[in-house]
Amino acid sequence: LRNADLRYIMVDYVIWRFSNLSGANFSHSDIYNTVFD
């Protein structure tokens, strides 16, 4: 999800593994109980 527009989203109980989110935009998002591995 390189350069993905993920602004203003709610992320809860998510596990991200071995992934590429480089350049993604999580600005103004609510990120809870999340693992970036």
PDB file of all heavy atoms in Angstrom:
ATOM      1  N   LEU A   1       0.837  -1.203   0.000  1.00  0.00           N
ATOM      2  CA  LEU A   1       0.000   0.000   0.000  1.00  0.00           C
ATOM      3  C   LEU A   1       0.876   1.259   0.000  1.00  0.00           C
ATOM      4  O   LEU A   1       0.598   2.220   0.712  1.00  0.00           O
ATOM      5  CB  LEU A   1      -0.934   0.006   1.215  1.00  0.00           C
ATOM      6  CG  LEU A   1      -2.084  -0.981   1.185  1.00  0.00           C
ATOM      7  CD1 LEU A   1      -2.838  -0.968   2.504  1.00  0.00           C
ATOM      8  CD2 LEU A   1      -3.038  -0.660   0.042  1.00  0.00           C
ATOM      9  N   ARG A   2       1.917   1.241  -0.811  1.00  0.00           N
ATOM     10  CA  ARG A   2       2.776   2.420  -0.887  1.00  0.00           C
ATOM     11  C   ARG A   2       1.957   3.637  -1.300  1.00  0.00           C
ATOM     12  O   ARG A   2       1.115   3.554  -2.194  1.00  0.00           O
ATOM     13  CB  ARG A   2       3.897   2.217  -1.900  1.00  0.00           C
ATOM     14  CG  ARG A   2       5.006   1.344  -1.369  1.00  0.00           C
ATOM     15  CD  ARG A   2       6.112   1.245  -2.366  1.00  0.00           C
ATOM     16  NE  ARG A   2       5.656   0.367  -3.446  1.00  0.00           N
ATOM     17  CZ  ARG A   2       6.357   0.098  -4.509  1.00  0.00           C
ATOM     18  NH1 ARG A   2       7.535   0.657  -4.685  1.00  0.00           N
ATOM     19  NH2 ARG A   2       5.894  -0.710  -5.425  1.00  0.00           N
ATOM     20  N   ASN A   3       2.215   4.741  -0.609  1.00  0.00           N
ATOM     21  CA  ASN A   3       1.584   6.038  -0.902  1.00  0.00           C
ATOM     22  C   ASN A   3       0.059   6.011  -0.793  1.00  0.00           C
ATOM     23  O   ASN A   3      -0.620   6.853  -1.380  1.00  0.00           O
ATOM     24  CB  ASN A   3       2.007   6.544  -2.288  1.00  0.00           C
ATOM     25  CG  ASN A   3       3.502   6.692  -2.384  1.00  0.00           C
ATOM     26  OD1 ASN A   3       4.138   7.279  -1.522  1.00  0.00           O
ATOM     27  ND2 ASN A   3       4.081   6.116  -3.425  1.00  0.00           N
ATOM     28  N   ALA A   4      -0.483   5.076  -0.047  1.00  0.00           N
ATOM     29  CA  ALA A   4      -1.941   4.985   0.114  1.00  0.00           C
ATOM     30  C   ALA A   4      -2.471   6.170   0.919  1.00  0.00           C
ATOM     31  O   ALA A   4      -1.834   6.648   1.855  1.00  0.00           O
ATOM     32  CB  ALA A   4      -2.316   3.690   0.817  1.00  0.00           C
ATOM     33  N   ASP A   5      -3.642   6.645   0.558  1.00  0.00           N
ATOM     34  CA  ASP A   5      -4.310   7.730   1.278  1.00  0.00           C
ATOM     35  C   ASP A   5      -5.214   7.102   2.339  1.00  0.00           C
ATOM     36  O   ASP A   5      -6.297   6.614   2.035  1.00  0.00           O
ATOM     37  CB  ASP A   5      -5.124   8.585   0.320  1.00  0.00           C
ATOM     38  CG  ASP A   5      -5.718   9.805   0.998  1.00  0.00           C
ATOM     39  OD1 ASP A   5      -5.589   9.938   2.236  1.00  0.00           O
ATOM     40  OD2 ASP A   5      -6.312  10.629   0.295  1.00  0.00           O
ATOM     41  N   LEU A   6      -4.741   7.083   3.573  1.00  0.00           N
ATOM     42  CA  LEU A   6      -5.465   6.474   4.689  1.00  0.00           C
ATOM     43  C   LEU A   6      -5.809   7.531   5.746  1.00  0.00           C
ATOM     44  O   LEU A   6      -5.929   7.227   6.920  1.00  0.00           O
ATOM     45  CB  LEU A   6      -4.620   5.343   5.297  1.00  0.00           C
ATOM     46  CG  LEU A   6      -4.228   4.248   4.301  1.00  0.00           C
ATOM     47  CD1 LEU A   6      -3.167   3.331   4.894  1.00  0.00           C
ATOM     48  CD2 LEU A   6      -5.450   3.455   3.876  1.00  0.00           C
ATOM     49  N   ARG A   7      -5.983   8.760   5.301  1.00  0.00           N
ATOM     50  CA  ARG A   7      -6.306   9.854   6.224  1.00  0.00           C
ATOM     51  C   ARG A   7      -7.682   9.649   6.845  1.00  0.00           C
ATOM     52  O   ARG A   7      -8.586   9.122   6.206  1.00  0.00           O
ATOM     53  CB  ARG A   7      -6.310  11.200   5.493  1.00  0.00           C
ATOM     54  CG  ARG A   7      -4.960  11.636   5.006  1.00  0.00           C
ATOM     55  CD  ARG A   7      -5.072  12.897   4.193  1.00  0.00           C
ATOM     56  NE  ARG A   7      -5.807  12.578   2.960  1.00  0.00           N
ATOM     57  CZ  ARG A   7      -6.324  13.484   2.161  1.00  0.00           C
ATOM     58  NH1 ARG A   7      -6.226  14.754   2.441  1.00  0.00           N
ATOM     59  NH2 ARG A   7      -6.963  13.121   1.070  1.00  0.00           N
ATOM     60  N   TYR A   8      -7.807  10.087   8.099  1.00  0.00           N
ATOM     61  CA  TYR A   8      -9.078  10.138   8.817  1.00  0.00           C
ATOM     62  C   TYR A   8      -9.738   8.761   8.980  1.00  0.00           C
ATOM     63  O   TYR A   8     -10.954   8.677   9.109  1.00  0.00           O
ATOM     64  CB  TYR A   8     -10.064  11.090   8.131  1.00  0.00           C
ATOM     65  CG  TYR A   8      -9.581  12.514   8.108  1.00  0.00           C
ATOM     66  CD1 TYR A   8      -8.947  13.031   6.980  1.00  0.00           C
ATOM     67  CD2 TYR A   8      -9.754  13.340   9.215  1.00  0.00           C
ATOM     68  CE1 TYR A   8      -8.498  14.346   6.962  1.00  0.00           C
ATOM     69  CE2 TYR A   8      -9.316  14.649   9.200  1.00  0.00           C
ATOM     70  CZ  TYR A   8      -8.691  15.142   8.071  1.00  0.00           C
ATOM     71  OH  TYR A   8      -8.245  16.443   8.056  1.00  0.00           O
ATOM     72  N   ILE A   9      -8.968   7.689   8.966  1.00  0.00           N
ATOM     73  CA  ILE A   9      -9.585   6.380   9.167  1.00  0.00           C
ATOM     74  C   ILE A   9      -9.404   5.943  10.620  1.00  0.00           C
ATOM     75  O   ILE A   9      -8.597   6.497  11.357  1.00  0.00           O
ATOM     76  CB  ILE A   9      -9.012   5.298   8.228  1.00  0.00           C
ATOM     77  CG1 ILE A   9      -7.547   5.007   8.541  1.00  0.00           C
ATOM     78  CG2 ILE A   9      -9.191   5.690   6.775  1.00  0.00           C
ATOM     79  CD1 ILE A   9      -7.021   3.769   7.853  1.00  0.00           C
ATOM     80  N   MET A  10     -10.160   4.953  11.017  1.00  0.00           N
ATOM     81  CA  MET A  10     -10.007   4.344  12.334  1.00  0.00           C
ATOM     82  C   MET A  10      -9.483   2.931  12.128  1.00  0.00           C
ATOM     83  O   MET A  10     -10.071   2.146  11.381  1.00  0.00           O
ATOM     84  CB  MET A  10     -11.319   4.297  13.084  1.00  0.00           C
ATOM     85  CG  MET A  10     -11.176   3.707  14.456  1.00  0.00           C
ATOM     86  SD  MET A  10     -12.761   3.809  15.297  1.00  0.00           S
ATOM     87  CE  MET A  10     -12.391   2.977  16.788  1.00  0.00           C
ATOM     88  N   VAL A  11      -8.362   2.639  12.757  1.00  0.00           N
ATOM     89  CA  VAL A  11      -7.743   1.321  12.698  1.00  0.00           C
ATOM     90  C   VAL A  11      -7.763   0.759  14.109  1.00  0.00           C
ATOM     91  O   VAL A  11      -7.252   1.388  15.023  1.00  0.00           O
ATOM     92  CB  VAL A  11      -6.287   1.424  12.182  1.00  0.00           C
ATOM     93  CG1 VAL A  11      -5.617   0.071  12.178  1.00  0.00           C
ATOM     94  CG2 VAL A  11      -6.247   2.072  10.806  1.00  0.00           C
ATOM     95  N   ASP A  12      -8.369  -0.397  14.300  1.00  0.00           N
ATOM     96  CA  ASP A  12      -8.469  -0.980  15.639  1.00  0.00           C
ATOM     97  C   ASP A  12      -8.289  -2.493  15.546  1.00  0.00           C
ATOM     98  O   ASP A  12      -8.945  -3.148  14.732  1.00  0.00           O
ATOM     99  CB  ASP A  12      -9.830  -0.641  16.249  1.00  0.00           C
ATOM    100  CG  ASP A  12      -9.879  -0.869  17.753  1.00  0.00           C
ATOM    101  OD1 ASP A  12      -8.839  -1.188  18.361  1.00  0.00           O
ATOM    102  OD2 ASP A  12     -10.974  -0.706  18.320  1.00  0.00           O
ATOM    103  N   TYR A  13      -7.409  -3.019  16.376  1.00  0.00           N
ATOM    104  CA  TYR A  13      -7.104  -4.454  16.399  1.00  0.00           C
ATOM    105  C   TYR A  13      -6.665  -4.969  15.038  1.00  0.00           C
ATOM    106  O   TYR A  13      -7.253  -5.885  14.478  1.00  0.00           O
ATOM    107  CB  TYR A  13      -8.292  -5.262  16.927  1.00  0.00           C
ATOM    108  CG  TYR A  13      -8.537  -5.050  18.393  1.00  0.00           C
ATOM    109  CD1 TYR A  13      -9.571  -4.223  18.813  1.00  0.00           C
ATOM    110  CD2 TYR A  13      -7.716  -5.632  19.342  1.00  0.00           C
ATOM    111  CE1 TYR A  13      -9.789  -3.993  20.165  1.00  0.00           C
ATOM    112  CE2 TYR A  13      -7.927  -5.408  20.694  1.00  0.00           C
ATOM    113  CZ  TYR A  13      -8.959  -4.589  21.094  1.00  0.00           C
ATOM    114  OH  TYR A  13      -9.170  -4.352  22.425  1.00  0.00           O
ATOM    115  N   VAL A  14      -5.609  -4.343  14.506  1.00  0.00           N
ATOM    116  CA  VAL A  14      -5.058  -4.760  13.217  1.00  0.00           C
ATOM    117  C   VAL A  14      -3.602  -5.167  13.412  1.00  0.00           C
ATOM    118  O   VAL A  14      -2.859  -4.525  14.156  1.00  0.00           O
ATOM    119  CB  VAL A  14      -5.157  -3.619  12.178  1.00  0.00           C
ATOM    120  CG1 VAL A  14      -4.426  -3.989  10.904  1.00  0.00           C
ATOM    121  CG2 VAL A  14      -6.612  -3.296  11.890  1.00  0.00           C
ATOM    122  N   ILE A  15      -3.218  -6.226  12.752  1.00  0.00           N
ATOM    123  CA  ILE A  15      -1.827  -6.662  12.732  1.00  0.00           C
ATOM    124  C   ILE A  15      -1.344  -6.570  11.288  1.00  0.00           C
ATOM    125  O   ILE A  15      -1.936  -7.169  10.390  1.00  0.00           O
ATOM    126  CB  ILE A  15      -1.673  -8.102  13.256  1.00  0.00           C
ATOM    127  CG1 ILE A  15      -2.155  -8.185  14.697  1.00  0.00           C
ATOM    128  CG2 ILE A  15      -0.215  -8.550  13.124  1.00  0.00           C
ATOM    129  CD1 ILE A  15      -2.232  -9.589  15.248  1.00  0.00           C
ATOM    130  N   TRP A  16      -0.313  -5.755  11.082  1.00  0.00           N
ATOM    131  CA  TRP A  16       0.317  -5.608   9.770  1.00  0.00           C
ATOM    132  C   TRP A  16       1.642  -6.344   9.842  1.00  0.00           C
ATOM    133  O   TRP A  16       2.444  -6.084  10.742  1.00  0.00           O
ATOM    134  CB  TRP A  16       0.605  -4.148   9.466  1.00  0.00           C
ATOM    135  CG  TRP A  16      -0.561  -3.237   9.369  1.00  0.00           C
ATOM    136  CD1 TRP A  16      -1.154  -2.556  10.395  1.00  0.00           C
ATOM    137  CD2 TRP A  16      -1.270  -2.859   8.186  1.00  0.00           C
ATOM    138  NE1 TRP A  16      -2.172  -1.786   9.915  1.00  0.00           N
ATOM    139  CE2 TRP A  16      -2.268  -1.951   8.558  1.00  0.00           C
ATOM    140  CE3 TRP A  16      -1.137  -3.203   6.836  1.00  0.00           C
ATOM    141  CZ2 TRP A  16      -3.131  -1.386   7.642  1.00  0.00           C
ATOM    142  CZ3 TRP A  16      -2.003  -2.645   5.923  1.00  0.00           C
ATOM    143  CH2 TRP A  16      -2.991  -1.746   6.328  1.00  0.00           C
ATOM    144  N   ARG A  17       1.920  -7.248   8.885  1.00  0.00           N
ATOM    145  CA  ARG A  17       3.183  -7.992   8.883  1.00  0.00           C
ATOM    146  C   ARG A  17       3.791  -7.985   7.486  1.00  0.00           C
ATOM    147  O   ARG A  17       3.086  -8.174   6.503  1.00  0.00           O
ATOM    148  CB  ARG A  17       2.953  -9.438   9.288  1.00  0.00           C
ATOM    149  CG  ARG A  17       2.588  -9.615  10.726  1.00  0.00           C
ATOM    150  CD  ARG A  17       2.535 -11.094  11.075  1.00  0.00           C
ATOM    151  NE  ARG A  17       2.197 -11.224  12.478  1.00  0.00           N
ATOM    152  CZ  ARG A  17       1.210 -11.967  12.928  1.00  0.00           C
ATOM    153  NH1 ARG A  17       0.467 -12.676  12.117  1.00  0.00           N
ATOM    154  NH2 ARG A  17       0.972 -12.026  14.218  1.00  0.00           N
ATOM    155  N   PHE A  18       5.118  -7.838   7.451  1.00  0.00           N
ATOM    156  CA  PHE A  18       5.898  -7.986   6.226  1.00  0.00           C
ATOM    157  C   PHE A  18       5.306  -7.193   5.057  1.00  0.00           C
ATOM    158  O   PHE A  18       5.266  -7.669   3.933  1.00  0.00           O
ATOM    159  CB  PHE A  18       6.013  -9.461   5.816  1.00  0.00           C
ATOM    160  CG  PHE A  18       6.307 -10.398   6.952  1.00  0.00           C
ATOM    161  CD1 PHE A  18       5.387 -11.351   7.340  1.00  0.00           C
ATOM    162  CD2 PHE A  18       7.503 -10.308   7.638  1.00  0.00           C
ATOM    163  CE1 PHE A  18       5.649 -12.214   8.387  1.00  0.00           C
ATOM    164  CE2 PHE A  18       7.781 -11.173   8.695  1.00  0.00           C
ATOM    165  CZ  PHE A  18       6.855 -12.123   9.064  1.00  0.00           C
ATOM    166  N   SER A  19       4.836  -5.999   5.323  1.00  0.00           N
ATOM    167  CA  SER A  19       4.151  -5.217   4.298  1.00  0.00           C
ATOM    168  C   SER A  19       4.873  -3.905   4.017  1.00  0.00           C
ATOM    169  O   SER A  19       5.723  -3.471   4.782  1.00  0.00           O
ATOM    170  CB  SER A  19       2.710  -4.936   4.729  1.00  0.00           C
ATOM    171  OG  SER A  19       1.997  -6.137   4.867  1.00  0.00           O
ATOM    172  N   ASN A  20       4.499  -3.276   2.938  1.00  0.00           N
ATOM    173  CA  ASN A  20       5.086  -2.009   2.533  1.00  0.00           C
ATOM    174  C   ASN A  20       4.002  -0.933   2.531  1.00  0.00           C
ATOM    175  O   ASN A  20       3.105  -0.947   1.694  1.00  0.00           O
ATOM    176  CB  ASN A  20       5.705  -2.133   1.143  1.00  0.00           C
ATOM    177  CG  ASN A  20       6.457  -0.885   0.732  1.00  0.00           C
ATOM    178  OD1 ASN A  20       6.271   0.185   1.299  1.00  0.00           O
ATOM    179  ND2 ASN A  20       7.315  -1.018  -0.262  1.00  0.00           N
ATOM    180  N   LEU A  21       4.108  -0.030   3.500  1.00  0.00           N
ATOM    181  CA  LEU A  21       3.213   1.123   3.577  1.00  0.00           C
ATOM    182  C   LEU A  21       4.007   2.423   3.387  1.00  0.00           C
ATOM    183  O   LEU A  21       3.546   3.490   3.783  1.00  0.00           O
ATOM    184  CB  LEU A  21       2.494   1.158   4.924  1.00  0.00           C
ATOM    185  CG  LEU A  21       1.489   0.048   5.200  1.00  0.00           C
ATOM    186  CD1 LEU A  21       0.962   0.138   6.629  1.00  0.00           C
ATOM    187  CD2 LEU A  21       0.340   0.112   4.229  1.00  0.00           C
ATOM    188  N   SER A  22       5.181   2.320   2.805  1.00  0.00           N
ATOM    189  CA  SER A  22       6.025   3.506   2.664  1.00  0.00           C
ATOM    190  C   SER A  22       5.262   4.618   1.949  1.00  0.00           C
ATOM    191  O   SER A  22       4.547   4.382   0.982  1.00  0.00           O
ATOM    192  CB  SER A  22       7.322   3.172   1.914  1.00  0.00           C
ATOM    193  OG  SER A  22       7.050   2.705   0.621  1.00  0.00           O
ATOM    194  N   GLY A  23       5.402   5.816   2.503  1.00  0.00           N
ATOM    195  CA  GLY A  23       4.751   6.984   1.919  1.00  0.00           C
ATOM    196  C   GLY A  23       3.259   7.088   2.167  1.00  0.00           C
ATOM    197  O   GLY A  23       2.616   8.028   1.707  1.00  0.00           O
ATOM    198  N   ALA A  24       2.679   6.131   2.894  1.00  0.00           N
ATOM    199  CA  ALA A  24       1.239   6.183   3.176  1.00  0.00           C
ATOM    200  C   ALA A  24       0.913   7.379   4.071  1.00  0.00           C
ATOM    201  O   ALA A  24       1.751   7.866   4.825  1.00  0.00           O
ATOM    202  CB  ALA A  24       0.774   4.891   3.841  1.00  0.00           C
ATOM    203  N   ASN A  25      -0.311   7.846   3.984  1.00  0.00           N
ATOM    204  CA  ASN A  25      -0.749   9.005   4.756  1.00  0.00           C
ATOM    205  C   ASN A  25      -1.825   8.572   5.750  1.00  0.00           C
ATOM    206  O   ASN A  25      -2.966   8.317   5.375  1.00  0.00           O
ATOM    207  CB  ASN A  25      -1.296  10.075   3.819  1.00  0.00           C
ATOM    208  CG  ASN A  25      -1.609  11.362   4.535  1.00  0.00           C
ATOM    209  OD1 ASN A  25      -1.585  11.433   5.754  1.00  0.00           O
ATOM    210  ND2 ASN A  25      -1.914  12.395   3.777  1.00  0.00           N
ATOM    211  N   PHE A  26      -1.426   8.471   7.036  1.00  0.00           N
ATOM    212  CA  PHE A  26      -2.342   8.139   8.127  1.00  0.00           C
ATOM    213  C   PHE A  26      -2.701   9.398   8.928  1.00  0.00           C
ATOM    214  O   PHE A  26      -3.148   9.295  10.057  1.00  0.00           O
ATOM    215  CB  PHE A  26      -1.694   7.147   9.098  1.00  0.00           C
ATOM    216  CG  PHE A  26      -1.711   5.714   8.656  1.00  0.00           C
ATOM    217  CD1 PHE A  26      -0.597   5.140   8.076  1.00  0.00           C
ATOM    218  CD2 PHE A  26      -2.826   4.923   8.852  1.00  0.00           C
ATOM    219  CE1 PHE A  26      -0.587   3.809   7.692  1.00  0.00           C
ATOM    220  CE2 PHE A  26      -2.841   3.592   8.484  1.00  0.00           C
ATOM    221  CZ  PHE A  26      -1.716   3.035   7.896  1.00  0.00           C
ATOM    222  N   SER A  27      -2.493  10.577   8.364  1.00  0.00           N
ATOM    223  CA  SER A  27      -2.728  11.800   9.140  1.00  0.00           C
ATOM    224  C   SER A  27      -4.180  11.868   9.610  1.00  0.00           C
ATOM    225  O   SER A  27      -5.095  11.426   8.915  1.00  0.00           O
ATOM    226  CB  SER A  27      -2.358  13.042   8.328  1.00  0.00           C
ATOM    227  OG  SER A  27      -3.214  13.209   7.229  1.00  0.00           O
ATOM    228  N   HIS A  28      -4.345  12.370  10.814  1.00  0.00           N
ATOM    229  CA  HIS A  28      -5.654  12.567  11.443  1.00  0.00           C
ATOM    230  C   HIS A  28      -6.408  11.247  11.666  1.00  0.00           C
ATOM    231  O   HIS A  28      -7.625  11.262  11.842  1.00  0.00           O
ATOM    232  CB  HIS A  28      -6.523  13.533  10.630  1.00  0.00           C
ATOM    233  CG  HIS A  28      -5.894  14.870  10.454  1.00  0.00           C
ATOM    234  ND1 HIS A  28      -5.963  15.852  11.414  1.00  0.00           N
ATOM    235  CD2 HIS A  28      -5.163  15.382   9.439  1.00  0.00           C
ATOM    236  CE1 HIS A  28      -5.315  16.914  10.995  1.00  0.00           C
ATOM    237  NE2 HIS A  28      -4.808  16.647   9.797  1.00  0.00           N
ATOM    238  N   SER A  29      -5.700  10.123  11.647  1.00  0.00           N
ATOM    239  CA  SER A  29      -6.346   8.822  11.864  1.00  0.00           C
ATOM    240  C   SER A  29      -6.279   8.423  13.333  1.00  0.00           C
ATOM    241  O   SER A  29      -5.437   8.904  14.084  1.00  0.00           O
ATOM    242  CB  SER A  29      -5.664   7.743  11.014  1.00  0.00           C
ATOM    243  OG  SER A  29      -5.877   7.988   9.651  1.00  0.00           O
ATOM    244  N   ASP A  30      -7.161   7.539  13.729  1.00  0.00           N
ATOM    245  CA  ASP A  30      -7.173   6.957  15.069  1.00  0.00           C
ATOM    246  C   ASP A  30      -6.690   5.519  14.933  1.00  0.00           C
ATOM    247  O   ASP A  30      -7.356   4.698  14.287  1.00  0.00           O
ATOM    248  CB  ASP A  30      -8.576   6.978  15.668  1.00  0.00           C
ATOM    249  CG  ASP A  30      -9.076   8.385  15.920  1.00  0.00           C
ATOM    250  OD1 ASP A  30      -8.263   9.238  16.324  1.00  0.00           O
ATOM    251  OD2 ASP A  30     -10.279   8.639  15.717  1.00  0.00           O
ATOM    252  N   ILE A  31      -5.528   5.224  15.528  1.00  0.00           N
ATOM    253  CA  ILE A  31      -4.927   3.899  15.393  1.00  0.00           C
ATOM    254  C   ILE A  31      -4.801   3.298  16.793  1.00  0.00           C
ATOM    255  O   ILE A  31      -4.036   3.778  17.627  1.00  0.00           O
ATOM    256  CB  ILE A  31      -3.560   3.997  14.699  1.00  0.00           C
ATOM    257  CG1 ILE A  31      -3.724   4.695  13.339  1.00  0.00           C
ATOM    258  CG2 ILE A  31      -2.940   2.614  14.546  1.00  0.00           C
ATOM    259  CD1 ILE A  31      -2.431   5.045  12.654  1.00  0.00           C
ATOM    260  N   TYR A  32      -5.585   2.253  17.042  1.00  0.00           N
ATOM    261  CA  TYR A  32      -5.649   1.611  18.353  1.00  0.00           C
ATOM    262  C   TYR A  32      -5.264   0.135  18.243  1.00  0.00           C
ATOM    263  O   TYR A  32      -5.577  -0.522  17.246  1.00  0.00           O
ATOM    264  CB  TYR A  32      -7.078   1.659  18.911  1.00  0.00           C
ATOM    265  CG  TYR A  32      -7.686   3.019  19.033  1.00  0.00           C
ATOM    266  CD1 TYR A  32      -8.608   3.470  18.097  1.00  0.00           C
ATOM    267  CD2 TYR A  32      -7.346   3.861  20.082  1.00  0.00           C
ATOM    268  CE1 TYR A  32      -9.188   4.721  18.205  1.00  0.00           C
ATOM    269  CE2 TYR A  32      -7.920   5.120  20.193  1.00  0.00           C
ATOM    270  CZ  TYR A  32      -8.836   5.543  19.258  1.00  0.00           C
ATOM    271  OH  TYR A  32      -9.402   6.782  19.361  1.00  0.00           O
ATOM    272  N   ASN A  33      -4.634  -0.395  19.298  1.00  0.00           N
ATOM    273  CA  ASN A  33      -4.390  -1.832  19.428  1.00  0.00           C
ATOM    274  C   ASN A  33      -3.850  -2.437  18.131  1.00  0.00           C
ATOM    275  O   ASN A  33      -4.339  -3.455  17.654  1.00  0.00           O
ATOM    276  CB  ASN A  33      -5.688  -2.547  19.822  1.00  0.00           C
ATOM    277  CG  ASN A  33      -6.332  -1.910  21.022  1.00  0.00           C
ATOM    278  OD1 ASN A  33      -5.730  -1.826  22.085  1.00  0.00           O
ATOM    279  ND2 ASN A  33      -7.548  -1.417  20.849  1.00  0.00           N
ATOM    280  N   THR A  34      -2.847  -1.806  17.568  1.00  0.00           N
ATOM    281  CA  THR A  34      -2.330  -2.199  16.259  1.00  0.00           C
ATOM    282  C   THR A  34      -0.853  -2.556  16.352  1.00  0.00           C
ATOM    283  O   THR A  34      -0.097  -1.908  17.072  1.00  0.00           O
ATOM    284  CB  THR A  34      -2.554  -1.055  15.250  1.00  0.00           C
ATOM    285  OG1 THR A  34      -3.968  -0.874  15.090  1.00  0.00           O
ATOM    286  CG2 THR A  34      -1.935  -1.351  13.908  1.00  0.00           C
ATOM    287  N   VAL A  35      -0.461  -3.581  15.605  1.00  0.00           N
ATOM    288  CA  VAL A  35       0.929  -4.022  15.548  1.00  0.00           C
ATOM    289  C   VAL A  35       1.441  -3.830  14.128  1.00  0.00           C
ATOM    290  O   VAL A  35       0.793  -4.240  13.164  1.00  0.00           O
ATOM    291  CB  VAL A  35       1.052  -5.512  15.947  1.00  0.00           C
ATOM    292  CG1 VAL A  35       2.472  -6.013  15.737  1.00  0.00           C
ATOM    293  CG2 VAL A  35       0.609  -5.722  17.384  1.00  0.00           C
ATOM    294  N   PHE A  36       2.602  -3.188  14.027  1.00  0.00           N
ATOM    295  CA  PHE A  36       3.332  -3.081  12.764  1.00  0.00           C
ATOM    296  C   PHE A  36       4.587  -3.933  12.931  1.00  0.00           C
ATOM    297  O   PHE A  36       5.490  -3.573  13.681  1.00  0.00           O
ATOM    298  CB  PHE A  36       3.723  -1.627  12.476  1.00  0.00           C
ATOM    299  CG  PHE A  36       2.557  -0.709  12.230  1.00  0.00           C
ATOM    300  CD1 PHE A  36       2.064   0.100  13.245  1.00  0.00           C
ATOM    301  CD2 PHE A  36       1.965  -0.651  10.981  1.00  0.00           C
ATOM    302  CE1 PHE A  36       0.998   0.964  13.021  1.00  0.00           C
ATOM    303  CE2 PHE A  36       0.904   0.216  10.735  1.00  0.00           C
ATOM    304  CZ  PHE A  36       0.414   1.016  11.762  1.00  0.00           C
ATOM    305  N   ASP A  37       4.641  -5.090  12.284  1.00  0.00           N
ATOM    306  CA  ASP A  37       5.717  -6.058  12.471  1.00  0.00           C
ATOM    307  C   ASP A  37       6.475  -6.274  11.163  1.00  0.00           C
ATOM    308  O   ASP A  37       5.890  -6.703  10.168  1.00  0.00           O
ATOM    309  CB  ASP A  37       5.116  -7.385  12.955  1.00  0.00           C
ATOM    310  CG  ASP A  37       6.151  -8.424  13.324  1.00  0.00           C
ATOM    311  OD1 ASP A  37       7.344  -8.083  13.444  1.00  0.00           O
ATOM    312  OD2 ASP A  37       5.755  -9.591  13.483  1.00  0.00           O
TER     313      ASP A  37
END
